[in-house]
PDBML (XML) file of the C-alpha atoms, coordinates in Angstrom:
<?xml version="1.0" encoding="UTF-8" ?>
<PDBx:datablock datablockName="MODEL"
   xmlns:PDBx="http://pdbml.pdb.org/schema/pdbx-v50.xsd"
   xmlns:xsi="http://www.w3.org/2001/XMLSchema-instance"
   xsi:schemaLocation="http://pdbml.pdb.org/schema/pdbx-v50.xsd pdbx-v50.xsd">
   <PDBx:atom_siteCategory>
      <PDBx:atom_site id="1">
         <PDBx:B_iso_or_equiv>0.00</PDBx:B_iso_or_equiv>
         <PDBx:Cartn_x>0.000</PDBx:Cartn_x>
         <PDBx:Cartn_y>0.000</PDBx:Cartn_y>
         <PDBx:Cartn_z>0.000</PDBx:Cartn_z>
         <PDBx:auth_asym_id>A</PDBx:auth_asym_id>
         <PDBx:auth_atom_id>CA</PDBx:auth_atom_id>
         <PDBx:auth_comp_id>LEU</PDBx:auth_comp_id>
         <PDBx:auth_seq_id>1</PDBx:auth_seq_id>
         <PDBx:group_PDB>ATOM</PDBx:group_PDB>
         <PDBx:label_alt_id xsi:nil="true" />
         <PDBx:label_asym_id>A</PDBx:label_asym_id>
         <PDBx:label_atom_id>CA</PDBx:label_atom_id>
         <PDBx:label_comp_id>LEU</PDBx:label_comp_id>
         <PDBx:label_entity_id>1</PDBx:label_entity_id>
         <PDBx:label_seq_id>1</PDBx:label_seq_id>
         <PDBx:occupancy>1.00</PDBx:occupancy>
         <PDBx:pdbx_PDB_model_num>1</PDBx:pdbx_PDB_model_num>
         <PDBx:type_symbol>C</PDBx:type_symbol>
      </PDBx:atom_site>
      <PDBx:atom_site id="2">
         <PDBx:B_iso_or_equiv>0.00</PDBx:B_iso_or_equiv>
         <PDBx:Cartn_x>2.905</PDBx:Cartn_x>
         <PDBx:Cartn_y>2.327</PDBx:Cartn_y>
         <PDBx:Cartn_z>0.756</PDBx:Cartn_z>
         <PDBx:auth_asym_id>A</PDBx:auth_asym_id>
         <PDBx:auth_atom_id>CA</PDBx:auth_atom_id>
         <PDBx:auth_comp_id>ALA</PDBx:auth_comp_id>
         <PDBx:auth_seq_id>2</PDBx:auth_seq_id>
         <PDBx:group_PDB>ATOM</PDBx:group_PDB>
         <PDBx:label_alt_id xsi:nil="true" />
         <PDBx:label_asym_id>A</PDBx:label_asym_id>
         <PDBx:label_atom_id>CA</PDBx:label_atom_id>
         <PDBx:label_comp_id>ALA</PDBx:label_comp_id>
         <PDBx:label_entity_id>1</PDBx:label_entity_id>
         <PDBx:label_seq_id>2</PDBx:label_seq_id>
         <PDBx:occupancy>1.00</PDBx:occupancy>
         <PDBx:pdbx_PDB_model_num>1</PDBx:pdbx_PDB_model_num>
         <PDBx:type_symbol>C</PDBx:type_symbol>
      </PDBx:atom_site>
      <PDBx:atom_site id="3">
         <PDBx:B_iso_or_equiv>0.00</PDBx:B_iso_or_equiv>
         <PDBx:Cartn_x>4.305</PDBx:Cartn_x>
         <PDBx:Cartn_y>1.507</PDBx:Cartn_y>
         <PDBx:Cartn_z>-2.662</PDBx:Cartn_z>
         <PDBx:auth_asym_id>A</PDBx:auth_asym_id>
         <PDBx:auth_atom_id>CA</PDBx:auth_atom_id>
         <PDBx:auth_comp_id>TYR</PDBx:auth_comp_id>
         <PDBx:auth_seq_id>3</PDBx:auth_seq_id>
         <PDBx:group_PDB>ATOM</PDBx:group_PDB>
         <PDBx:label_alt_id xsi:nil="true" />
         <PDBx:label_asym_id>A</PDBx:label_asym_id>
         <PDBx:label_atom_id>CA</PDBx:label_atom_id>
         <PDBx:label_comp_id>TYR</PDBx:label_comp_id>
         <PDBx:label_entity_id>1</PDBx:label_entity_id>
         <PDBx:label_seq_id>3</PDBx:label_seq_id>
         <PDBx:occupancy>1.00</PDBx:occupancy>
         <PDBx:pdbx_PDB_model_num>1</PDBx:pdbx_PDB_model_num>
         <PDBx:type_symbol>C</PDBx:type_symbol>
      </PDBx:atom_site>
      <PDBx:atom_site id="4">
         <PDBx:B_iso_or_equiv>0.00</PDBx:B_iso_or_equiv>
         <PDBx:Cartn_x>0.947</PDBx:Cartn_x>
         <PDBx:Cartn_y>2.263</PDBx:Cartn_y>
         <PDBx:Cartn_z>-4.271</PDBx:Cartn_z>
         <PDBx:auth_asym_id>A</PDBx:auth_asym_id>
         <PDBx:auth_atom_id>CA</PDBx:auth_atom_id>
         <PDBx:auth_comp_id>LEU</PDBx:auth_comp_id>
         <PDBx:auth_seq_id>4</PDBx:auth_seq_id>
         <PDBx:group_PDB>ATOM</PDBx:group_PDB>
         <PDBx:label_alt_id xsi:nil="true" />
         <PDBx:label_asym_id>A</PDBx:label_asym_id>
         <PDBx:label_atom_id>CA</PDBx:label_atom_id>
         <PDBx:label_comp_id>LEU</PDBx:label_comp_id>
         <PDBx:label_entity_id>1</PDBx:label_entity_id>
         <PDBx:label_seq_id>4</PDBx:label_seq_id>
         <PDBx:occupancy>1.00</PDBx:occupancy>
         <PDBx:pdbx_PDB_model_num>1</PDBx:pdbx_PDB_model_num>
         <PDBx:type_symbol>C</PDBx:type_symbol>
      </PDBx:atom_site>
      <PDBx:atom_site id="5">
         <PDBx:B_iso_or_equiv>0.00</PDBx:B_iso_or_equiv>
         <PDBx:Cartn_x>1.106</PDBx:Cartn_x>
         <PDBx:Cartn_y>5.797</PDBx:Cartn_y>
         <PDBx:Cartn_z>-2.864</PDBx:Cartn_z>
         <PDBx:auth_asym_id>A</PDBx:auth_asym_id>
         <PDBx:auth_atom_id>CA</PDBx:auth_atom_id>
         <PDBx:auth_comp_id>VAL</PDBx:auth_comp_id>
         <PDBx:auth_seq_id>5</PDBx:auth_seq_id>
         <PDBx:group_PDB>ATOM</PDBx:group_PDB>
         <PDBx:label_alt_id xsi:nil="true" />
         <PDBx:label_asym_id>A</PDBx:label_asym_id>
         <PDBx:label_atom_id>CA</PDBx:label_atom_id>
         <PDBx:label_comp_id>VAL</PDBx:label_comp_id>
         <PDBx:label_entity_id>1</PDBx:label_entity_id>
         <PDBx:label_seq_id>5</PDBx:label_seq_id>
         <PDBx:occupancy>1.00</PDBx:occupancy>
         <PDBx:pdbx_PDB_model_num>1</PDBx:pdbx_PDB_model_num>
         <PDBx:type_symbol>C</PDBx:type_symbol>
      </PDBx:atom_site>
      <PDBx:atom_site id="6">
         <PDBx:B_iso_or_equiv>0.00</PDBx:B_iso_or_equiv>
         <PDBx:Cartn_x>4.849</PDBx:Cartn_x>
         <PDBx:Cartn_y>6.457</PDBx:Cartn_y>
         <PDBx:Cartn_z>-3.070</PDBx:Cartn_z>
         <PDBx:auth_asym_id>A</PDBx:auth_asym_id>
         <PDBx:auth_atom_id>CA</PDBx:auth_atom_id>
         <PDBx:auth_comp_id>VAL</PDBx:auth_comp_id>
         <PDBx:auth_seq_id>6</PDBx:auth_seq_id>
         <PDBx:group_PDB>ATOM</PDBx:group_PDB>
         <PDBx:label_alt_id xsi:nil="true" />
         <PDBx:label_asym_id>A</PDBx:label_asym_id>
         <PDBx:label_atom_id>CA</PDBx:label_atom_id>
         <PDBx:label_comp_id>VAL</PDBx:label_comp_id>
         <PDBx:label_entity_id>1</PDBx:label_entity_id>
         <PDBx:label_seq_id>6</PDBx:label_seq_id>
         <PDBx:occupancy>1.00</PDBx:occupancy>
         <PDBx:pdbx_PDB_model_num>1</PDBx:pdbx_PDB_model_num>
         <PDBx:type_symbol>C</PDBx:type_symbol>
      </PDBx:atom_site>
      <PDBx:atom_site id="7">
         <PDBx:B_iso_or_equiv>0.00</PDBx:B_iso_or_equiv>
         <PDBx:Cartn_x>5.833</PDBx:Cartn_x>
         <PDBx:Cartn_y>4.362</PDBx:Cartn_y>
         <PDBx:Cartn_z>-6.072</PDBx:Cartn_z>
         <PDBx:auth_asym_id>A</PDBx:auth_asym_id>
         <PDBx:auth_atom_id>CA</PDBx:auth_atom_id>
         <PDBx:auth_comp_id>GLY</PDBx:auth_comp_id>
         <PDBx:auth_seq_id>7</PDBx:auth_seq_id>
         <PDBx:group_PDB>ATOM</PDBx:group_PDB>
         <PDBx:label_alt_id xsi:nil="true" />
         <PDBx:label_asym_id>A</PDBx:label_asym_id>
         <PDBx:label_atom_id>CA</PDBx:label_atom_id>
         <PDBx:label_comp_id>GLY</PDBx:label_comp_id>
         <PDBx:label_entity_id>1</PDBx:label_entity_id>
         <PDBx:label_seq_id>7</PDBx:label_seq_id>
         <PDBx:occupancy>1.00</PDBx:occupancy>
         <PDBx:pdbx_PDB_model_num>1</PDBx:pdbx_PDB_model_num>
         <PDBx:type_symbol>C</PDBx:type_symbol>
      </PDBx:atom_site>
      <PDBx:atom_site id="8">
         <PDBx:B_iso_or_equiv>0.00</PDBx:B_iso_or_equiv>
         <PDBx:Cartn_x>3.230</PDBx:Cartn_x>
         <PDBx:Cartn_y>5.583</PDBx:Cartn_y>
         <PDBx:Cartn_z>-8.547</PDBx:Cartn_z>
         <PDBx:auth_asym_id>A</PDBx:auth_asym_id>
         <PDBx:auth_atom_id>CA</PDBx:auth_atom_id>
         <PDBx:auth_comp_id>VAL</PDBx:auth_comp_id>
         <PDBx:auth_seq_id>8</PDBx:auth_seq_id>
         <PDBx:group_PDB>ATOM</PDBx:group_PDB>
         <PDBx:label_alt_id xsi:nil="true" />
         <PDBx:label_asym_id>A</PDBx:label_asym_id>
         <PDBx:label_atom_id>CA</PDBx:label_atom_id>
         <PDBx:label_comp_id>VAL</PDBx:label_comp_id>
         <PDBx:label_entity_id>1</PDBx:label_entity_id>
         <PDBx:label_seq_id>8</PDBx:label_seq_id>
         <PDBx:occupancy>1.00</PDBx:occupancy>
         <PDBx:pdbx_PDB_model_num>1</PDBx:pdbx_PDB_model_num>
         <PDBx:type_symbol>C</PDBx:type_symbol>
      </PDBx:atom_site>
      <PDBx:atom_site id="9">
         <PDBx:B_iso_or_equiv>0.00</PDBx:B_iso_or_equiv>
         <PDBx:Cartn_x>5.563</PDBx:Cartn_x>
         <PDBx:Cartn_y>8.151</PDBx:Cartn_y>
         <PDBx:Cartn_z>-10.113</PDBx:Cartn_z>
         <PDBx:auth_asym_id>A</PDBx:auth_asym_id>
         <PDBx:auth_atom_id>CA</PDBx:auth_atom_id>
         <PDBx:auth_comp_id>VAL</PDBx:auth_comp_id>
         <PDBx:auth_seq_id>9</PDBx:auth_seq_id>
         <PDBx:group_PDB>ATOM</PDBx:group_PDB>
         <PDBx:label_alt_id xsi:nil="true" />
         <PDBx:label_asym_id>A</PDBx:label_asym_id>
         <PDBx:label_atom_id>CA</PDBx:label_atom_id>
         <PDBx:label_comp_id>VAL</PDBx:label_comp_id>
         <PDBx:label_entity_id>1</PDBx:label_entity_id>
         <PDBx:label_seq_id>9</PDBx:label_seq_id>
         <PDBx:occupancy>1.00</PDBx:occupancy>
         <PDBx:pdbx_PDB_model_num>1</PDBx:pdbx_PDB_model_num>
         <PDBx:type_symbol>C</PDBx:type_symbol>
      </PDBx:atom_site>
      <PDBx:atom_site id="10">
         <PDBx:B_iso_or_equiv>0.00</PDBx:B_iso_or_equiv>
         <PDBx:Cartn_x>6.375</PDBx:Cartn_x>
         <PDBx:Cartn_y>6.050</PDBx:Cartn_y>
         <PDBx:Cartn_z>-13.183</PDBx:Cartn_z>
         <PDBx:auth_asym_id>A</PDBx:auth_asym_id>
         <PDBx:auth_atom_id>CA</PDBx:auth_atom_id>
         <PDBx:auth_comp_id>VAL</PDBx:auth_comp_id>
         <PDBx:auth_seq_id>10</PDBx:auth_seq_id>
         <PDBx:group_PDB>ATOM</PDBx:group_PDB>
         <PDBx:label_alt_id xsi:nil="true" />
         <PDBx:label_asym_id>A</PDBx:label_asym_id>
         <PDBx:label_atom_id>CA</PDBx:label_atom_id>
         <PDBx:label_comp_id>VAL</PDBx:label_comp_id>
         <PDBx:label_entity_id>1</PDBx:label_entity_id>
         <PDBx:label_seq_id>10</PDBx:label_seq_id>
         <PDBx:occupancy>1.00</PDBx:occupancy>
         <PDBx:pdbx_PDB_model_num>1</PDBx:pdbx_PDB_model_num>
         <PDBx:type_symbol>C</PDBx:type_symbol>
      </PDBx:atom_site>
      <PDBx:atom_site id="11">
         <PDBx:B_iso_or_equiv>0.00</PDBx:B_iso_or_equiv>
         <PDBx:Cartn_x>2.761</PDBx:Cartn_x>
         <PDBx:Cartn_y>4.950</PDBx:Cartn_y>
         <PDBx:Cartn_z>-13.698</PDBx:Cartn_z>
         <PDBx:auth_asym_id>A</PDBx:auth_asym_id>
         <PDBx:auth_atom_id>CA</PDBx:auth_atom_id>
         <PDBx:auth_comp_id>VAL</PDBx:auth_comp_id>
         <PDBx:auth_seq_id>11</PDBx:auth_seq_id>
         <PDBx:group_PDB>ATOM</PDBx:group_PDB>
         <PDBx:label_alt_id xsi:nil="true" />
         <PDBx:label_asym_id>A</PDBx:label_asym_id>
         <PDBx:label_atom_id>CA</PDBx:label_atom_id>
         <PDBx:label_comp_id>VAL</PDBx:label_comp_id>
         <PDBx:label_entity_id>1</PDBx:label_entity_id>
         <PDBx:label_seq_id>11</PDBx:label_seq_id>
         <PDBx:occupancy>1.00</PDBx:occupancy>
         <PDBx:pdbx_PDB_model_num>1</PDBx:pdbx_PDB_model_num>
         <PDBx:type_symbol>C</PDBx:type_symbol>
      </PDBx:atom_site>
      <PDBx:atom_site id="12">
         <PDBx:B_iso_or_equiv>0.00</PDBx:B_iso_or_equiv>
         <PDBx:Cartn_x>1.449</PDBx:Cartn_x>
         <PDBx:Cartn_y>8.512</PDBx:Cartn_y>
         <PDBx:Cartn_z>-13.374</PDBx:Cartn_z>
         <PDBx:auth_asym_id>A</PDBx:auth_asym_id>
         <PDBx:auth_atom_id>CA</PDBx:auth_atom_id>
         <PDBx:auth_comp_id>GLU</PDBx:auth_comp_id>
         <PDBx:auth_seq_id>12</PDBx:auth_seq_id>
         <PDBx:group_PDB>ATOM</PDBx:group_PDB>
         <PDBx:label_alt_id xsi:nil="true" />
         <PDBx:label_asym_id>A</PDBx:label_asym_id>
         <PDBx:label_atom_id>CA</PDBx:label_atom_id>
         <PDBx:label_comp_id>GLU</PDBx:label_comp_id>
         <PDBx:label_entity_id>1</PDBx:label_entity_id>
         <PDBx:label_seq_id>12</PDBx:label_seq_id>
         <PDBx:occupancy>1.00</PDBx:occupancy>
         <PDBx:pdbx_PDB_model_num>1</PDBx:pdbx_PDB_model_num>
         <PDBx:type_symbol>C</PDBx:type_symbol>
      </PDBx:atom_site>
      <PDBx:atom_site id="13">
         <PDBx:B_iso_or_equiv>0.00</PDBx:B_iso_or_equiv>
         <PDBx:Cartn_x>3.984</PDBx:Cartn_x>
         <PDBx:Cartn_y>9.769</PDBx:Cartn_y>
         <PDBx:Cartn_z>-15.894</PDBx:Cartn_z>
         <PDBx:auth_asym_id>A</PDBx:auth_asym_id>
         <PDBx:auth_atom_id>CA</PDBx:auth_atom_id>
         <PDBx:auth_comp_id>VAL</PDBx:auth_comp_id>
         <PDBx:auth_seq_id>13</PDBx:auth_seq_id>
         <PDBx:group_PDB>ATOM</PDBx:group_PDB>
         <PDBx:label_alt_id xsi:nil="true" />
         <PDBx:label_asym_id>A</PDBx:label_asym_id>
         <PDBx:label_atom_id>CA</PDBx:label_atom_id>
         <PDBx:label_comp_id>VAL</PDBx:label_comp_id>
         <PDBx:label_entity_id>1</PDBx:label_entity_id>
         <PDBx:label_seq_id>13</PDBx:label_seq_id>
         <PDBx:occupancy>1.00</PDBx:occupancy>
         <PDBx:pdbx_PDB_model_num>1</PDBx:pdbx_PDB_model_num>
         <PDBx:type_symbol>C</PDBx:type_symbol>
      </PDBx:atom_site>
      <PDBx:atom_site id="14">
         <PDBx:B_iso_or_equiv>0.00</PDBx:B_iso_or_equiv>
         <PDBx:Cartn_x>3.166</PDBx:Cartn_x>
         <PDBx:Cartn_y>6.985</PDBx:Cartn_y>
         <PDBx:Cartn_z>-18.397</PDBx:Cartn_z>
         <PDBx:auth_asym_id>A</PDBx:auth_asym_id>
         <PDBx:auth_atom_id>CA</PDBx:auth_atom_id>
         <PDBx:auth_comp_id>VAL</PDBx:auth_comp_id>
         <PDBx:auth_seq_id>14</PDBx:auth_seq_id>
         <PDBx:group_PDB>ATOM</PDBx:group_PDB>
         <PDBx:label_alt_id xsi:nil="true" />
         <PDBx:label_asym_id>A</PDBx:label_asym_id>
         <PDBx:label_atom_id>CA</PDBx:label_atom_id>
         <PDBx:label_comp_id>VAL</PDBx:label_comp_id>
         <PDBx:label_entity_id>1</PDBx:label_entity_id>
         <PDBx:label_seq_id>14</PDBx:label_seq_id>
         <PDBx:occupancy>1.00</PDBx:occupancy>
         <PDBx:pdbx_PDB_model_num>1</PDBx:pdbx_PDB_model_num>
         <PDBx:type_symbol>C</PDBx:type_symbol>
      </PDBx:atom_site>
      <PDBx:atom_site id="15">
         <PDBx:B_iso_or_equiv>0.00</PDBx:B_iso_or_equiv>
         <PDBx:Cartn_x>-0.576</PDBx:Cartn_x>
         <PDBx:Cartn_y>7.691</PDBx:Cartn_y>
         <PDBx:Cartn_z>-18.228</PDBx:Cartn_z>
         <PDBx:auth_asym_id>A</PDBx:auth_asym_id>
         <PDBx:auth_atom_id>CA</PDBx:auth_atom_id>
         <PDBx:auth_comp_id>PHE</PDBx:auth_comp_id>
         <PDBx:auth_seq_id>15</PDBx:auth_seq_id>
         <PDBx:group_PDB>ATOM</PDBx:group_PDB>
         <PDBx:label_alt_id xsi:nil="true" />
         <PDBx:label_asym_id>A</PDBx:label_asym_id>
         <PDBx:label_atom_id>CA</PDBx:label_atom_id>
         <PDBx:label_comp_id>PHE</PDBx:label_comp_id>
         <PDBx:label_entity_id>1</PDBx:label_entity_id>
         <PDBx:label_seq_id>15</PDBx:label_seq_id>
         <PDBx:occupancy>1.00</PDBx:occupancy>
         <PDBx:pdbx_PDB_model_num>1</PDBx:pdbx_PDB_model_num>
         <PDBx:type_symbol>C</PDBx:type_symbol>
      </PDBx:atom_site>
      <PDBx:atom_site id="16">
         <PDBx:B_iso_or_equiv>0.00</PDBx:B_iso_or_equiv>
         <PDBx:Cartn_x>-0.233</PDBx:Cartn_x>
         <PDBx:Cartn_y>11.481</PDBx:Cartn_y>
         <PDBx:Cartn_z>-17.679</PDBx:Cartn_z>
         <PDBx:auth_asym_id>A</PDBx:auth_asym_id>
         <PDBx:auth_atom_id>CA</PDBx:auth_atom_id>
         <PDBx:auth_comp_id>VAL</PDBx:auth_comp_id>
         <PDBx:auth_seq_id>16</PDBx:auth_seq_id>
         <PDBx:group_PDB>ATOM</PDBx:group_PDB>
         <PDBx:label_alt_id xsi:nil="true" />
         <PDBx:label_asym_id>A</PDBx:label_asym_id>
         <PDBx:label_atom_id>CA</PDBx:label_atom_id>
         <PDBx:label_comp_id>VAL</PDBx:label_comp_id>
         <PDBx:label_entity_id>1</PDBx:label_entity_id>
         <PDBx:label_seq_id>16</PDBx:label_seq_id>
         <PDBx:occupancy>1.00</PDBx:occupancy>
         <PDBx:pdbx_PDB_model_num>1</PDBx:pdbx_PDB_model_num>
         <PDBx:type_symbol>C</PDBx:type_symbol>
      </PDBx:atom_site>
      <PDBx:atom_site id="17">
         <PDBx:B_iso_or_equiv>0.00</PDBx:B_iso_or_equiv>
         <PDBx:Cartn_x>-2.266</PDBx:Cartn_x>
         <PDBx:Cartn_y>11.184</PDBx:Cartn_y>
         <PDBx:Cartn_z>-14.493</PDBx:Cartn_z>
         <PDBx:auth_asym_id>A</PDBx:auth_asym_id>
         <PDBx:auth_atom_id>CA</PDBx:auth_atom_id>
         <PDBx:auth_comp_id>TYR</PDBx:auth_comp_id>
         <PDBx:auth_seq_id>17</PDBx:auth_seq_id>
         <PDBx:group_PDB>ATOM</PDBx:group_PDB>
         <PDBx:label_alt_id xsi:nil="true" />
         <PDBx:label_asym_id>A</PDBx:label_asym_id>
         <PDBx:label_atom_id>CA</PDBx:label_atom_id>
         <PDBx:label_comp_id>TYR</PDBx:label_comp_id>
         <PDBx:label_entity_id>1</PDBx:label_entity_id>
         <PDBx:label_seq_id>17</PDBx:label_seq_id>
         <PDBx:occupancy>1.00</PDBx:occupancy>
         <PDBx:pdbx_PDB_model_num>1</PDBx:pdbx_PDB_model_num>
         <PDBx:type_symbol>C</PDBx:type_symbol>
      </PDBx:atom_site>
      <PDBx:atom_site id="18">
         <PDBx:B_iso_or_equiv>0.00</PDBx:B_iso_or_equiv>
         <PDBx:Cartn_x>-2.554</PDBx:Cartn_x>
         <PDBx:Cartn_y>14.454</PDBx:Cartn_y>
         <PDBx:Cartn_z>-12.490</PDBx:Cartn_z>
         <PDBx:auth_asym_id>A</PDBx:auth_asym_id>
         <PDBx:auth_atom_id>CA</PDBx:auth_atom_id>
         <PDBx:auth_comp_id>PRO</PDBx:auth_comp_id>
         <PDBx:auth_seq_id>18</PDBx:auth_seq_id>
         <PDBx:group_PDB>ATOM</PDBx:group_PDB>
         <PDBx:label_alt_id xsi:nil="true" />
         <PDBx:label_asym_id>A</PDBx:label_asym_id>
         <PDBx:label_atom_id>CA</PDBx:label_atom_id>
         <PDBx:label_comp_id>PRO</PDBx:label_comp_id>
         <PDBx:label_entity_id>1</PDBx:label_entity_id>
         <PDBx:label_seq_id>18</PDBx:label_seq_id>
         <PDBx:occupancy>1.00</PDBx:occupancy>
         <PDBx:pdbx_PDB_model_num>1</PDBx:pdbx_PDB_model_num>
         <PDBx:type_symbol>C</PDBx:type_symbol>
      </PDBx:atom_site>
      <PDBx:atom_site id="19">
         <PDBx:B_iso_or_equiv>0.00</PDBx:B_iso_or_equiv>
         <PDBx:Cartn_x>-1.204</PDBx:Cartn_x>
         <PDBx:Cartn_y>13.069</PDBx:Cartn_y>
         <PDBx:Cartn_z>-9.228</PDBx:Cartn_z>
         <PDBx:auth_asym_id>A</PDBx:auth_asym_id>
         <PDBx:auth_atom_id>CA</PDBx:auth_atom_id>
         <PDBx:auth_comp_id>GLY</PDBx:auth_comp_id>
         <PDBx:auth_seq_id>19</PDBx:auth_seq_id>
         <PDBx:group_PDB>ATOM</PDBx:group_PDB>
         <PDBx:label_alt_id xsi:nil="true" />
         <PDBx:label_asym_id>A</PDBx:label_asym_id>
         <PDBx:label_atom_id>CA</PDBx:label_atom_id>
         <PDBx:label_comp_id>GLY</PDBx:label_comp_id>
         <PDBx:label_entity_id>1</PDBx:label_entity_id>
         <PDBx:label_seq_id>19</PDBx:label_seq_id>
         <PDBx:occupancy>1.00</PDBx:occupancy>
         <PDBx:pdbx_PDB_model_num>1</PDBx:pdbx_PDB_model_num>
         <PDBx:type_symbol>C</PDBx:type_symbol>
      </PDBx:atom_site>
      <PDBx:atom_site id="20">
         <PDBx:B_iso_or_equiv>0.00</PDBx:B_iso_or_equiv>
         <PDBx:Cartn_x>1.735</PDBx:Cartn_x>
         <PDBx:Cartn_y>13.634</PDBx:Cartn_y>
         <PDBx:Cartn_z>-6.916</PDBx:Cartn_z>
         <PDBx:auth_asym_id>A</PDBx:auth_asym_id>
         <PDBx:auth_atom_id>CA</PDBx:auth_atom_id>
         <PDBx:auth_comp_id>MET</PDBx:auth_comp_id>
         <PDBx:auth_seq_id>20</PDBx:auth_seq_id>
         <PDBx:group_PDB>ATOM</PDBx:group_PDB>
         <PDBx:label_alt_id xsi:nil="true" />
         <PDBx:label_asym_id>A</PDBx:label_asym_id>
         <PDBx:label_atom_id>CA</PDBx:label_atom_id>
         <PDBx:label_comp_id>MET</PDBx:label_comp_id>
         <PDBx:label_entity_id>1</PDBx:label_entity_id>
         <PDBx:label_seq_id>20</PDBx:label_seq_id>
         <PDBx:occupancy>1.00</PDBx:occupancy>
         <PDBx:pdbx_PDB_model_num>1</PDBx:pdbx_PDB_model_num>
         <PDBx:type_symbol>C</PDBx:type_symbol>
      </PDBx:atom_site>
      <PDBx:atom_site id="21">
         <PDBx:B_iso_or_equiv>0.00</PDBx:B_iso_or_equiv>
         <PDBx:Cartn_x>4.146</PDBx:Cartn_x>
         <PDBx:Cartn_y>11.699</PDBx:Cartn_y>
         <PDBx:Cartn_z>-9.112</PDBx:Cartn_z>
         <PDBx:auth_asym_id>A</PDBx:auth_asym_id>
         <PDBx:auth_atom_id>CA</PDBx:auth_atom_id>
         <PDBx:auth_comp_id>GLY</PDBx:auth_comp_id>
         <PDBx:auth_seq_id>21</PDBx:auth_seq_id>
         <PDBx:group_PDB>ATOM</PDBx:group_PDB>
         <PDBx:label_alt_id xsi:nil="true" />
         <PDBx:label_asym_id>A</PDBx:label_asym_id>
         <PDBx:label_atom_id>CA</PDBx:label_atom_id>
         <PDBx:label_comp_id>GLY</PDBx:label_comp_id>
         <PDBx:label_entity_id>1</PDBx:label_entity_id>
         <PDBx:label_seq_id>21</PDBx:label_seq_id>
         <PDBx:occupancy>1.00</PDBx:occupancy>
         <PDBx:pdbx_PDB_model_num>1</PDBx:pdbx_PDB_model_num>
         <PDBx:type_symbol>C</PDBx:type_symbol>
      </PDBx:atom_site>
      <PDBx:atom_site id="22">
         <PDBx:B_iso_or_equiv>0.00</PDBx:B_iso_or_equiv>
         <PDBx:Cartn_x>3.404</PDBx:Cartn_x>
         <PDBx:Cartn_y>13.790</PDBx:Cartn_y>
         <PDBx:Cartn_z>-12.196</PDBx:Cartn_z>
         <PDBx:auth_asym_id>A</PDBx:auth_asym_id>
         <PDBx:auth_atom_id>CA</PDBx:auth_atom_id>
         <PDBx:auth_comp_id>GLN</PDBx:auth_comp_id>
         <PDBx:auth_seq_id>22</PDBx:auth_seq_id>
         <PDBx:group_PDB>ATOM</PDBx:group_PDB>
         <PDBx:label_alt_id xsi:nil="true" />
         <PDBx:label_asym_id>A</PDBx:label_asym_id>
         <PDBx:label_atom_id>CA</PDBx:label_atom_id>
         <PDBx:label_comp_id>GLN</PDBx:label_comp_id>
         <PDBx:label_entity_id>1</PDBx:label_entity_id>
         <PDBx:label_seq_id>22</PDBx:label_seq_id>
         <PDBx:occupancy>1.00</PDBx:occupancy>
         <PDBx:pdbx_PDB_model_num>1</PDBx:pdbx_PDB_model_num>
         <PDBx:type_symbol>C</PDBx:type_symbol>
      </PDBx:atom_site>
      <PDBx:atom_site id="23">
         <PDBx:B_iso_or_equiv>0.00</PDBx:B_iso_or_equiv>
         <PDBx:Cartn_x>3.571</PDBx:Cartn_x>
         <PDBx:Cartn_y>16.955</PDBx:Cartn_y>
         <PDBx:Cartn_z>-10.081</PDBx:Cartn_z>
         <PDBx:auth_asym_id>A</PDBx:auth_asym_id>
         <PDBx:auth_atom_id>CA</PDBx:auth_atom_id>
         <PDBx:auth_comp_id>TYR</PDBx:auth_comp_id>
         <PDBx:auth_seq_id>23</PDBx:auth_seq_id>
         <PDBx:group_PDB>ATOM</PDBx:group_PDB>
         <PDBx:label_alt_id xsi:nil="true" />
         <PDBx:label_asym_id>A</PDBx:label_asym_id>
         <PDBx:label_atom_id>CA</PDBx:label_atom_id>
         <PDBx:label_comp_id>TYR</PDBx:label_comp_id>
         <PDBx:label_entity_id>1</PDBx:label_entity_id>
         <PDBx:label_seq_id>23</PDBx:label_seq_id>
         <PDBx:occupancy>1.00</PDBx:occupancy>
         <PDBx:pdbx_PDB_model_num>1</PDBx:pdbx_PDB_model_num>
         <PDBx:type_symbol>C</PDBx:type_symbol>
      </PDBx:atom_site>
      <PDBx:atom_site id="24">
         <PDBx:B_iso_or_equiv>0.00</PDBx:B_iso_or_equiv>
         <PDBx:Cartn_x>7.006</PDBx:Cartn_x>
         <PDBx:Cartn_y>15.952</PDBx:Cartn_y>
         <PDBx:Cartn_z>-8.770</PDBx:Cartn_z>
         <PDBx:auth_asym_id>A</PDBx:auth_asym_id>
         <PDBx:auth_atom_id>CA</PDBx:auth_atom_id>
         <PDBx:auth_comp_id>LEU</PDBx:auth_comp_id>
         <PDBx:auth_seq_id>24</PDBx:auth_seq_id>
         <PDBx:group_PDB>ATOM</PDBx:group_PDB>
         <PDBx:label_alt_id xsi:nil="true" />
         <PDBx:label_asym_id>A</PDBx:label_asym_id>
         <PDBx:label_atom_id>CA</PDBx:label_atom_id>
         <PDBx:label_comp_id>LEU</PDBx:label_comp_id>
         <PDBx:label_entity_id>1</PDBx:label_entity_id>
         <PDBx:label_seq_id>24</PDBx:label_seq_id>
         <PDBx:occupancy>1.00</PDBx:occupancy>
         <PDBx:pdbx_PDB_model_num>1</PDBx:pdbx_PDB_model_num>
         <PDBx:type_symbol>C</PDBx:type_symbol>
      </PDBx:atom_site>
      <PDBx:atom_site id="25">
         <PDBx:B_iso_or_equiv>0.00</PDBx:B_iso_or_equiv>
         <PDBx:Cartn_x>8.423</PDBx:Cartn_x>
         <PDBx:Cartn_y>15.095</PDBx:Cartn_y>
         <PDBx:Cartn_z>-12.192</PDBx:Cartn_z>
         <PDBx:auth_asym_id>A</PDBx:auth_asym_id>
         <PDBx:auth_atom_id>CA</PDBx:auth_atom_id>
         <PDBx:auth_comp_id>VAL</PDBx:auth_comp_id>
         <PDBx:auth_seq_id>25</PDBx:auth_seq_id>
         <PDBx:group_PDB>ATOM</PDBx:group_PDB>
         <PDBx:label_alt_id xsi:nil="true" />
         <PDBx:label_asym_id>A</PDBx:label_asym_id>
         <PDBx:label_atom_id>CA</PDBx:label_atom_id>
         <PDBx:label_comp_id>VAL</PDBx:label_comp_id>
         <PDBx:label_entity_id>1</PDBx:label_entity_id>
         <PDBx:label_seq_id>25</PDBx:label_seq_id>
         <PDBx:occupancy>1.00</PDBx:occupancy>
         <PDBx:pdbx_PDB_model_num>1</PDBx:pdbx_PDB_model_num>
         <PDBx:type_symbol>C</PDBx:type_symbol>
      </PDBx:atom_site>
   </PDBx:atom_siteCategory>
</PDBx:datablock>
């Protein structure tokens, strides 16, 4: 579950999802 929140950066970038990972990148 921690990975699902913290490790979503790559997935959010691939799908251009407006989450924390995309915001960070």
